[in-house]
Amino acid sequence: MAHNLVIPLRVQDYADLQFLHVNYLWSVIRSKIGQSVSAWIADKTVAEARGMLQNPALTIKEIAIRLGFLEAPHFSNYFKKHISQNPAEYRKLHVGRVSRLDRNRRRSYPAIAKTSPSVPFRLFLKTD
């Protein structure tokens, strides 16, 4: 689907995607989640990276580019800062450890198992 899109990493980019002012985005994230927008974006970026690293068909450079990093070393440093492992170490320890739910999905949808495209995460806020 949209797996060739680059995910923006700046707070302003997320605010623009939601047609919100940056200050309003800051206040909503702080009140609903209890952390800064920057920390929230970092958590989402690392979670997305962990998911992509499960796919051995993707190189670390490809993952870095898909997540919006211009250079793979910058992504590796960012990932290591948050996980205390570089992406190669993380992949070595975690690839092949597929949950039962994922195995069942792959059996039901073999096309998904072969391609497993990355879908960029988006910020969806309920302001009710």
Protein backbone atom coordinates (compact mmCIF):
# COMPACT_ATOMS: atom_id res chain seq x y z
CA MET A 1 0.00 0.00 0.00
CA ALA A 2 1.83 3.11 1.22
CA HIS A 3 5.06 1.38 2.17
CA ASN A 4 7.22 3.72 0.08
CA LEU A 5 6.24 6.80 2.06
CA VAL A 6 8.74 8.45 4.34
CA ILE A 7 7.42 9.01 7.83
CA PRO A 8 8.14 12.49 9.15
CA LEU A 9 9.92 12.69 12.48
CA ARG A 10 9.26 16.30 13.42
CA VAL A 11 6.44 17.41 15.69
CA GLN A 12 5.42 20.02 13.13
CA ASP A 13 4.93 17.27 10.52
CA TYR A 14 2.57 15.34 12.79
CA ALA A 15 0.62 18.49 13.58
CA ASP A 16 0.34 19.28 9.88
CA LEU A 17 -0.89 15.75 9.11
CA GLN A 18 -3.73 16.26 11.59
CA PHE A 19 -4.42 19.88 10.60
CA LEU A 20 -3.61 20.94 14.16
CA HIS A 21 -1.52 23.72 15.60
CA VAL A 22 1.69 22.45 17.19
CA ASN A 23 0.80 23.90 20.59
CA TYR A 24 -2.59 22.16 20.55
CA LEU A 25 -0.95 18.85 19.60
CA TRP A 26 1.48 19.26 22.50
CA SER A 27 -1.32 19.90 24.98
CA VAL A 28 -3.50 17.02 23.75
CA ILE A 29 -0.68 14.46 23.83
CA ARG A 30 0.46 15.70 27.24
CA SER A 31 -3.06 15.49 28.71
CA LYS A 32 -4.13 12.20 27.06
CA ILE A 33 -0.88 10.23 27.20
CA GLY A 34 1.14 12.03 29.85
CA GLN A 35 4.32 12.45 27.87
CA SER A 36 5.78 14.97 25.47
CA VAL A 37 5.05 14.75 21.75
CA SER A 38 8.73 14.12 21.07
CA ALA A 39 8.77 11.15 23.45
CA TRP A 40 5.52 9.86 21.95
CA ILE A 41 6.95 10.10 18.41
CA ALA A 42 10.12 8.33 19.55
CA ASP A 43 8.07 5.50 21.08
CA LYS A 44 6.04 5.11 17.89
CA THR A 45 9.14 5.24 15.69
CA VAL A 46 10.93 2.60 17.74
CA ALA A 47 7.82 0.38 17.77
CA GLU A 48 7.56 0.66 13.99
CA ALA A 49 11.27 -0.10 13.64
CA ARG A 50 10.94 -3.20 15.83
CA GLY A 51 8.15 -4.45 13.60
CA MET A 52 10.14 -3.82 10.43
CA LEU A 53 13.20 -5.54 11.84
CA GLN A 54 11.13 -8.72 12.10
CA ASN A 55 11.10 -8.83 8.30
CA PRO A 56 14.50 -10.21 7.21
CA ALA A 57 13.80 -9.14 3.61
CA LEU A 58 14.24 -5.49 4.64
CA THR A 59 17.76 -4.20 5.09
CA ILE A 60 18.51 -1.84 7.94
CA LYS A 61 19.15 0.90 5.38
CA GLU A 62 15.68 0.35 3.86
CA ILE A 63 14.10 0.48 7.30
CA ALA A 64 15.98 3.69 8.09
CA ILE A 65 14.75 5.33 4.89
CA ARG A 66 11.15 4.20 5.45
CA LEU A 67 11.24 5.71 8.92
CA GLY A 68 12.48 9.05 7.63
CA PHE A 69 16.17 8.82 8.45
CA LEU A 70 18.55 10.01 5.75
CA GLU A 71 21.38 7.73 6.83
CA ALA A 72 21.37 4.20 8.27
CA PRO A 73 23.99 5.07 10.93
CA HIS A 74 21.75 7.86 12.24
CA PHE A 75 18.89 5.36 12.53
CA SER A 76 21.17 2.84 14.27
CA ASN A 77 22.27 5.43 16.83
CA TYR A 78 18.65 6.50 17.41
CA PHE A 79 17.50 2.90 17.85
CA LYS A 80 20.38 2.06 20.18
CA LYS A 81 19.65 5.15 22.28
CA HIS A 82 16.10 3.92 22.89
CA ILE A 83 16.56 0.12 22.99
CA SER A 84 20.19 -0.25 24.16
CA GLN A 85 20.85 -2.51 21.18
CA ASN A 86 21.69 -1.61 17.64
CA PRO A 87 19.23 -2.79 14.96
CA ALA A 88 21.46 -5.66 13.83
CA GLU A 89 21.71 -7.02 17.40
CA TYR A 90 17.98 -6.62 17.92
CA ARG A 91 17.22 -8.43 14.66
CA LYS A 92 19.61 -11.27 15.49
CA LEU A 93 17.90 -11.84 18.85
CA HIS A 94 14.30 -11.38 17.74
CA VAL A 95 13.87 -12.53 14.14
CA GLY A 96 12.20 -15.89 13.96
CA ARG A 97 10.31 -15.38 17.19
CA VAL A 98 6.88 -15.12 15.66
CA SER A 99 3.81 -15.12 17.82
CA ARG A 100 1.11 -17.74 17.33
CA LEU A 101 -1.27 -15.02 16.14
CA ASP A 102 1.18 -13.95 13.41
CA ARG A 103 1.66 -17.56 12.31
CA ASN A 104 -2.10 -17.98 11.98
CA ARG A 105 -2.36 -14.76 9.96
CA ARG A 106 0.33 -15.96 7.60
CA ARG A 107 -1.52 -19.22 7.05
CA SER A 108 -4.76 -17.37 6.35
CA TYR A 109 -3.22 -14.67 4.17
CA PRO A 110 -0.12 -16.04 2.42
CA ALA A 111 0.28 -12.94 0.24
CA ILE A 112 0.73 -10.82 3.37
CA ALA A 113 3.38 -13.18 4.70
CA LYS A 114 5.42 -12.87 1.52
CA THR A 115 5.38 -9.11 1.14
CA SER A 116 4.54 -7.81 4.64
CA PRO A 117 4.69 -4.16 3.57
CA SER A 118 5.26 -1.57 6.19
CA VAL A 119 2.33 0.72 6.80
CA PRO A 120 3.34 4.04 8.29
CA PHE A 121 1.80 4.79 11.63
CA ARG A 122 -0.39 7.84 11.86
CA LEU A 123 -1.50 10.03 14.67
CA PHE A 124 -5.20 9.71 15.29
CA LEU A 125 -6.48 11.76 18.17
CA LYS A 126 -9.88 11.65 19.75
CA THR A 127 -10.46 15.04 21.24
CA ASP A 128 -13.89 14.28 22.73
